[in-house]
């Protein structure tokens, strides 16, 4: 069973990932950037999270869903 997640960046360098089905429980906060995150996007298969920020970096995170765990690996 897959988790339904939502992603947010709220004017800082953190990307927050929420579990929508559990009432909005915060799963994790990522700090991959040094400046404000300006763009977030899931790849079509929801296995990669792409982010960009004012630090002029684009990051790609590999997202792995396993039972009772949610893992993000750097790519």
PDB file of N, CA and C in Angstrom:
ATOM      1  N   UNK A   1       0.830  -1.177   0.000  1.00  0.00           N
ATOM      2  CA  UNK A   1       0.000   0.000   0.000  1.00  0.00           C
ATOM      3  C   UNK A   1       0.878   1.244   0.000  1.00  0.00           C
ATOM      4  N   UNK A   2       0.607   2.159  -0.882  1.00  0.00           N
ATOM      5  CA  UNK A   2       1.388   3.387  -0.973  1.00  0.00           C
ATOM      6  C   UNK A   2       0.833   4.451  -0.048  1.00  0.00           C
ATOM      7  N   UNK A   3       1.737   5.264   0.482  1.00  0.00           N
ATOM      8  CA  UNK A   3       1.311   6.424   1.250  1.00  0.00           C
ATOM      9  C   UNK A   3       0.934   7.520   0.268  1.00  0.00           C
ATOM     10  N   UNK A   4       0.001   8.341   0.658  1.00  0.00           N
ATOM     11  CA  UNK A   4      -0.295   9.536  -0.116  1.00  0.00           C
ATOM     12  C   UNK A   4       0.414  10.671   0.589  1.00  0.00           C
ATOM     13  N   UNK A   5       1.337  11.313  -0.102  1.00  0.00           N
ATOM     14  CA  UNK A   5       2.132  12.362   0.515  1.00  0.00           C
ATOM     15  C   UNK A   5       1.900  13.682  -0.183  1.00  0.00           C
ATOM     16  N   UNK A   6       2.206  14.748   0.515  1.00  0.00           N
ATOM     17  CA  UNK A   6       2.161  16.084  -0.031  1.00  0.00           C
ATOM     18  C   UNK A   6       3.470  16.751   0.342  1.00  0.00           C
ATOM     19  N   UNK A   7       3.935  17.665  -0.482  1.00  0.00           N
ATOM     20  CA  UNK A   7       5.205  18.333  -0.238  1.00  0.00           C
ATOM     21  C   UNK A   7       4.993  19.840  -0.170  1.00  0.00           C
ATOM     22  N   UNK A   8       5.770  20.485   0.680  1.00  0.00           N
ATOM     23  CA  UNK A   8       5.685  21.930   0.836  1.00  0.00           C
ATOM     24  C   UNK A   8       7.058  22.521   1.055  1.00  0.00           C
ATOM     25  N   UNK A   9       7.231  23.738   0.590  1.00  0.00           N
ATOM     26  CA  UNK A   9       8.365  24.573   0.953  1.00  0.00           C
ATOM     27  C   UNK A   9       7.746  25.924   1.299  1.00  0.00           C
ATOM     28  N   UNK A  10       8.026  26.418   2.487  1.00  0.00           N
ATOM     29  CA  UNK A  10       7.329  27.613   2.963  1.00  0.00           C
ATOM     30  C   UNK A  10       8.284  28.772   3.223  1.00  0.00           C
ATOM     31  N   UNK A  11       8.936  29.245   2.192  1.00  0.00           N
ATOM     32  CA  UNK A  11       9.767  30.429   2.324  1.00  0.00           C
ATOM     33  C   UNK A  11      11.091  30.219   3.026  1.00  0.00           C
ATOM     34  N   UNK A  12      11.536  28.971   3.147  1.00  0.00           N
ATOM     35  CA  UNK A  12      12.847  28.723   3.734  1.00  0.00           C
ATOM     36  C   UNK A  12      13.561  27.639   2.944  1.00  0.00           C
ATOM     37  N   UNK A  13      14.609  27.069   3.493  1.00  0.00           N
ATOM     38  CA  UNK A  13      15.380  26.070   2.753  1.00  0.00           C
ATOM     39  C   UNK A  13      14.934  24.645   3.052  1.00  0.00           C
ATOM     40  N   UNK A  14      13.815  24.473   3.761  1.00  0.00           N
ATOM     41  CA  UNK A  14      13.325  23.137   4.093  1.00  0.00           C
ATOM     42  C   UNK A  14      12.242  22.678   3.131  1.00  0.00           C
ATOM     43  N   UNK A  15      12.277  21.391   2.833  1.00  0.00           N
ATOM     44  CA  UNK A  15      11.201  20.727   2.094  1.00  0.00           C
ATOM     45  C   UNK A  15      10.531  19.796   3.099  1.00  0.00           C
ATOM     46  N   UNK A  16       9.227  19.961   3.291  1.00  0.00           N
ATOM     47  CA  UNK A  16       8.513  19.141   4.260  1.00  0.00           C
ATOM     48  C   UNK A  16       7.610  18.159   3.535  1.00  0.00           C
ATOM     49  N   UNK A  17       7.655  16.912   3.977  1.00  0.00           N
ATOM     50  CA  UNK A  17       6.862  15.843   3.369  1.00  0.00           C
ATOM     51  C   UNK A  17       5.866  15.353   4.407  1.00  0.00           C
ATOM     52  N   UNK A  18       4.583  15.392   4.039  1.00  0.00           N
ATOM     53  CA  UNK A  18       3.483  15.079   4.949  1.00  0.00           C
ATOM     54  C   UNK A  18       2.739  13.838   4.496  1.00  0.00           C
ATOM     55  N   UNK A  19       2.290  13.036   5.444  1.00  0.00           N
ATOM     56  CA  UNK A  19       1.444  11.877   5.174  1.00  0.00           C
ATOM     57  C   UNK A  19      -0.003  12.338   5.248  1.00  0.00           C
ATOM     58  N   UNK A  20      -0.649  12.452   4.115  1.00  0.00           N
ATOM     59  CA  UNK A  20      -2.007  12.981   4.029  1.00  0.00           C
ATOM     60  C   UNK A  20      -3.018  12.036   4.667  1.00  0.00           C
ATOM     61  N   UNK A  21      -2.832  10.737   4.512  1.00  0.00           N
ATOM     62  CA  UNK A  21      -3.804   9.770   5.021  1.00  0.00           C
ATOM     63  C   UNK A  21      -3.827   9.681   6.544  1.00  0.00           C
ATOM     64  N   UNK A  22      -2.760  10.098   7.205  1.00  0.00           N
ATOM     65  CA  UNK A  22      -2.737  10.013   8.668  1.00  0.00           C
ATOM     66  C   UNK A  22      -3.137  11.338   9.314  1.00  0.00           C
ATOM     67  N   UNK A  23      -3.824  12.166   8.581  1.00  0.00           N
ATOM     68  CA  UNK A  23      -4.269  13.438   9.142  1.00  0.00           C
ATOM     69  C   UNK A  23      -3.242  14.542   9.051  1.00  0.00           C
ATOM     70  N   UNK A  24      -2.267  14.382   8.190  1.00  0.00           N
ATOM     71  CA  UNK A  24      -1.274  15.431   7.995  1.00  0.00           C
ATOM     72  C   UNK A  24      -0.050  15.305   8.880  1.00  0.00           C
ATOM     73  N   UNK A  25       0.353  14.085   9.178  1.00  0.00           N
ATOM     74  CA  UNK A  25       1.547  13.847  10.002  1.00  0.00           C
ATOM     75  C   UNK A  25       2.800  14.167   9.198  1.00  0.00           C
ATOM     76  N   UNK A  26       3.696  14.939   9.798  1.00  0.00           N
ATOM     77  CA  UNK A  26       4.961  15.268   9.150  1.00  0.00           C
ATOM     78  C   UNK A  26       5.839  14.033   9.105  1.00  0.00           C
ATOM     79  N   UNK A  27       6.231  13.612   7.899  1.00  0.00           N
ATOM     80  CA  UNK A  27       7.101  12.446   7.754  1.00  0.00           C
ATOM     81  C   UNK A  27       8.569  12.824   7.889  1.00  0.00           C
ATOM     82  N   UNK A  28       8.940  13.927   7.247  1.00  0.00           N
ATOM     83  CA  UNK A  28      10.322  14.375   7.340  1.00  0.00           C
ATOM     84  C   UNK A  28      10.471  15.770   6.773  1.00  0.00           C
ATOM     85  N   UNK A  29      11.542  16.413   7.173  1.00  0.00           N
ATOM     86  CA  UNK A  29      11.918  17.715   6.630  1.00  0.00           C
ATOM     87  C   UNK A  29      13.324  17.584   6.063  1.00  0.00           C
ATOM     88  N   UNK A  30      13.485  17.969   4.830  1.00  0.00           N
ATOM     89  CA  UNK A  30      14.776  17.866   4.151  1.00  0.00           C
ATOM     90  C   UNK A  30      15.397  19.250   4.029  1.00  0.00           C
ATOM     91  N   UNK A  31      16.679  19.333   4.233  1.00  0.00           N
ATOM     92  CA  UNK A  31      17.370  20.612   4.052  1.00  0.00           C
ATOM     93  C   UNK A  31      18.488  20.434   3.032  1.00  0.00           C
ATOM     94  N   UNK A  32      18.105  20.287   1.793  1.00  0.00           N
ATOM     95  CA  UNK A  32      19.067  20.056   0.718  1.00  0.00           C
ATOM     96  C   UNK A  32      19.623  21.344   0.128  1.00  0.00           C
ATOM     97  N   UNK A  33      19.044  22.465   0.499  1.00  0.00           N
ATOM     98  CA  UNK A  33      19.430  23.747  -0.097  1.00  0.00           C
ATOM     99  C   UNK A  33      19.920  24.716   0.970  1.00  0.00           C
ATOM    100  N   UNK A  34      20.698  25.694   0.522  1.00  0.00           N
ATOM    101  CA  UNK A  34      21.233  26.705   1.427  1.00  0.00           C
ATOM    102  C   UNK A  34      20.394  27.976   1.416  1.00  0.00           C
ATOM    103  N   UNK A  35      19.562  28.133   0.387  1.00  0.00           N
ATOM    104  CA  UNK A  35      18.681  29.298   0.280  1.00  0.00           C
ATOM    105  C   UNK A  35      17.256  28.839   0.042  1.00  0.00           C
ATOM    106  N   UNK A  36      16.343  29.784  -0.073  1.00  0.00           N
ATOM    107  CA  UNK A  36      14.912  29.513  -0.184  1.00  0.00           C
ATOM    108  C   UNK A  36      14.583  28.583  -1.354  1.00  0.00           C
ATOM    109  N   UNK A  37      13.795  27.547  -1.066  1.00  0.00           N
ATOM    110  CA  UNK A  37      13.315  26.627  -2.111  1.00  0.00           C
ATOM    111  C   UNK A  37      12.239  27.341  -2.919  1.00  0.00           C
ATOM    112  N   UNK A  38      12.372  27.299  -4.230  1.00  0.00           N
ATOM    113  CA  UNK A  38      11.434  28.004  -5.104  1.00  0.00           C
ATOM    114  C   UNK A  38      10.553  27.072  -5.927  1.00  0.00           C
ATOM    115  N   UNK A  39      10.958  25.820  -6.117  1.00  0.00           N
ATOM    116  CA  UNK A  39      10.183  24.891  -6.947  1.00  0.00           C
ATOM    117  C   UNK A  39      10.282  23.477  -6.402  1.00  0.00           C
ATOM    118  N   UNK A  40       9.147  22.768  -6.457  1.00  0.00           N
ATOM    119  CA  UNK A  40       9.097  21.357  -6.073  1.00  0.00           C
ATOM    120  C   UNK A  40       8.253  20.610  -7.085  1.00  0.00           C
ATOM    121  N   UNK A  41       8.653  19.382  -7.369  1.00  0.00           N
ATOM    122  CA  UNK A  41       7.889  18.592  -8.333  1.00  0.00           C
ATOM    123  C   UNK A  41       8.179  17.111  -8.132  1.00  0.00           C
ATOM    124  N   UNK A  42       7.114  16.304  -8.154  1.00  0.00           N
ATOM    125  CA  UNK A  42       7.301  14.855  -8.210  1.00  0.00           C
ATOM    126  C   UNK A  42       7.461  14.456  -9.669  1.00  0.00           C
ATOM    127  N   UNK A  43       8.321  13.488  -9.940  1.00  0.00           N
ATOM    128  CA  UNK A  43       8.388  12.902 -11.277  1.00  0.00           C
ATOM    129  C   UNK A  43       7.084  12.145 -11.511  1.00  0.00           C
ATOM    130  N   UNK A  44       6.797  11.817 -12.756  1.00  0.00           N
ATOM    131  CA  UNK A  44       5.521  11.199 -13.101  1.00  0.00           C
ATOM    132  C   UNK A  44       5.242   9.924 -12.325  1.00  0.00           C
ATOM    133  N   UNK A  45       6.264   9.170 -11.969  1.00  0.00           N
ATOM    134  CA  UNK A  45       6.054   7.906 -11.260  1.00  0.00           C
ATOM    135  C   UNK A  45       6.121   8.063  -9.745  1.00  0.00           C
ATOM    136  N   UNK A  46       6.261   9.293  -9.244  1.00  0.00           N
ATOM    137  CA  UNK A  46       6.337   9.608  -7.818  1.00  0.00           C
ATOM    138  C   UNK A  46       7.516   8.946  -7.118  1.00  0.00           C
ATOM    139  N   UNK A  47       8.516   8.530  -7.854  1.00  0.00           N
ATOM    140  CA  UNK A  47       9.690   7.922  -7.241  1.00  0.00           C
ATOM    141  C   UNK A  47      10.844   8.903  -7.099  1.00  0.00           C
ATOM    142  N   UNK A  48      10.688  10.085  -7.676  1.00  0.00           N
ATOM    143  CA  UNK A  48      11.728  11.106  -7.562  1.00  0.00           C
ATOM    144  C   UNK A  48      11.094  12.447  -7.215  1.00  0.00           C
ATOM    145  N   UNK A  49      11.771  13.164  -6.346  1.00  0.00           N
ATOM    146  CA  UNK A  49      11.358  14.499  -5.961  1.00  0.00           C
ATOM    147  C   UNK A  49      12.428  15.465  -6.447  1.00  0.00           C
ATOM    148  N   UNK A  50      12.041  16.431  -7.250  1.00  0.00           N
ATOM    149  CA  UNK A  50      12.974  17.406  -7.809  1.00  0.00           C
ATOM    150  C   UNK A  50      12.705  18.744  -7.114  1.00  0.00           C
ATOM    151  N   UNK A  51      13.769  19.414  -6.683  1.00  0.00           N
ATOM    152  CA  UNK A  51      13.617  20.718  -6.053  1.00  0.00           C
ATOM    153  C   UNK A  51      14.660  21.684  -6.598  1.00  0.00           C
ATOM    154  N   UNK A  52      14.313  22.970  -6.566  1.00  0.00           N
ATOM    155  CA  UNK A  52      15.229  24.031  -7.002  1.00  0.00           C
ATOM    156  C   UNK A  52      15.122  25.163  -5.994  1.00  0.00           C
ATOM    157  N   UNK A  53      16.189  25.957  -5.905  1.00  0.00           N
ATOM    158  CA  UNK A  53      16.167  27.048  -4.930  1.00  0.00           C
ATOM    159  C   UNK A  53      16.980  28.233  -5.428  1.00  0.00           C
ATOM    160  N   UNK A  54      16.962  29.292  -4.607  1.00  0.00           N
ATOM    161  CA  UNK A  54      17.708  30.503  -4.937  1.00  0.00           C
ATOM    162  C   UNK A  54      19.215  30.305  -4.858  1.00  0.00           C
ATOM    163  N   UNK A  55      19.670  29.173  -4.341  1.00  0.00           N
ATOM    164  CA  UNK A  55      21.109  28.890  -4.328  1.00  0.00           C
ATOM    165  C   UNK A  55      21.594  28.360  -5.681  1.00  0.00           C
ATOM    166  N   UNK A  56      20.681  28.336  -6.661  1.00  0.00           N
ATOM    167  CA  UNK A  56      20.960  27.936  -8.048  1.00  0.00           C
ATOM    168  C   UNK A  56      21.250  26.444  -8.182  1.00  0.00           C
ATOM    169  N   UNK A  57      20.742  25.650  -7.256  1.00  0.00           N
ATOM    170  CA  UNK A  57      20.908  24.206  -7.316  1.00  0.00           C
ATOM    171  C   UNK A  57      19.572  23.530  -7.588  1.00  0.00           C
ATOM    172  N   UNK A  58      19.652  22.450  -8.332  1.00  0.00           N
ATOM    173  CA  UNK A  58      18.508  21.569  -8.538  1.00  0.00           C
ATOM    174  C   UNK A  58      18.905  20.228  -7.944  1.00  0.00           C
ATOM    175  N   UNK A  59      18.060  19.688  -7.067  1.00  0.00           N
ATOM    176  CA  UNK A  59      18.358  18.389  -6.471  1.00  0.00           C
ATOM    177  C   UNK A  59      17.291  17.388  -6.874  1.00  0.00           C
ATOM    178  N   UNK A  60      17.708  16.139  -6.971  1.00  0.00           N
ATOM    179  CA  UNK A  60      16.796  15.043  -7.271  1.00  0.00           C
ATOM    180  C   UNK A  60      16.950  14.024  -6.153  1.00  0.00           C
ATOM    181  N   UNK A  61      15.844  13.694  -5.511  1.00  0.00           N
ATOM    182  CA  UNK A  61      15.852  12.709  -4.428  1.00  0.00           C
ATOM    183  C   UNK A  61      15.087  11.476  -4.883  1.00  0.00           C
ATOM    184  N   UNK A  62      15.650  10.316  -4.637  1.00  0.00           N
ATOM    185  CA  UNK A  62      14.975   9.062  -4.917  1.00  0.00           C
ATOM    186  C   UNK A  62      14.100   8.737  -3.718  1.00  0.00           C
ATOM    187  N   UNK A  63      12.819   8.509  -3.949  1.00  0.00           N
ATOM    188  CA  UNK A  63      11.870   8.237  -2.878  1.00  0.00           C
ATOM    189  C   UNK A  63      11.482   6.772  -2.918  1.00  0.00           C
ATOM    190  N   UNK A  64      11.608   6.096  -1.784  1.00  0.00           N
ATOM    191  CA  UNK A  64      11.305   4.674  -1.702  1.00  0.00           C
ATOM    192  C   UNK A  64      10.222   4.464  -0.650  1.00  0.00           C
ATOM    193  N   UNK A  65       9.143   3.811  -1.033  1.00  0.00           N
ATOM    194  CA  UNK A  65       8.080   3.470  -0.105  1.00  0.00           C
ATOM    195  C   UNK A  65       8.191   1.982   0.218  1.00  0.00           C
ATOM    196  N   UNK A  66       8.378   1.658   1.460  1.00  0.00           N
ATOM    197  CA  UNK A  66       8.380   0.270   1.916  1.00  0.00           C
ATOM    198  C   UNK A  66       7.376   0.194   3.078  1.00  0.00           C
ATOM    199  N   UNK A  67       6.868  -0.981   3.399  1.00  0.00           N
ATOM    200  CA  UNK A  67       5.875  -1.070   4.470  1.00  0.00           C
ATOM    201  C   UNK A  67       6.340  -0.404   5.764  1.00  0.00           C
ATOM    202  N   UNK A  68       5.518   0.512   6.255  1.00  0.00           N
ATOM    203  CA  UNK A  68       5.764   1.238   7.505  1.00  0.00           C
ATOM    204  C   UNK A  68       6.994   2.113   7.500  1.00  0.00           C
ATOM    205  N   UNK A  69       7.579   2.364   6.341  1.00  0.00           N
ATOM    206  CA  UNK A  69       8.744   3.230   6.262  1.00  0.00           C
ATOM    207  C   UNK A  69       8.646   4.094   5.017  1.00  0.00           C
ATOM    208  N   UNK A  70       9.299   5.210   5.082  1.00  0.00           N
ATOM    209  CA  UNK A  70       9.380   6.134   3.963  1.00  0.00           C
ATOM    210  C   UNK A  70      10.830   6.573   3.902  1.00  0.00           C
ATOM    211  N   UNK A  71      11.528   6.254   2.848  1.00  0.00           N
ATOM    212  CA  UNK A  71      12.965   6.497   2.768  1.00  0.00           C
ATOM    213  C   UNK A  71      13.260   7.412   1.587  1.00  0.00           C
ATOM    214  N   UNK A  72      14.130   8.378   1.803  1.00  0.00           N
ATOM    215  CA  UNK A  72      14.595   9.231   0.715  1.00  0.00           C
ATOM    216  C   UNK A  72      16.106   9.083   0.627  1.00  0.00           C
ATOM    217  N   UNK A  73      16.566   8.836  -0.570  1.00  0.00           N
ATOM    218  CA  UNK A  73      17.995   8.664  -0.809  1.00  0.00           C
ATOM    219  C   UNK A  73      18.475   9.787  -1.726  1.00  0.00           C
ATOM    220  N   UNK A  74      19.683  10.254  -1.501  1.00  0.00           N
ATOM    221  CA  UNK A  74      20.253  11.263  -2.397  1.00  0.00           C
ATOM    222  C   UNK A  74      20.663  10.622  -3.709  1.00  0.00           C
ATOM    223  N   UNK A  75      20.495  11.365  -4.767  1.00  0.00           N
ATOM    224  CA  UNK A  75      20.910  10.879  -6.095  1.00  0.00           C
ATOM    225  C   UNK A  75      21.982  11.776  -6.650  1.00  0.00           C
TER     226      UNK A  75
END
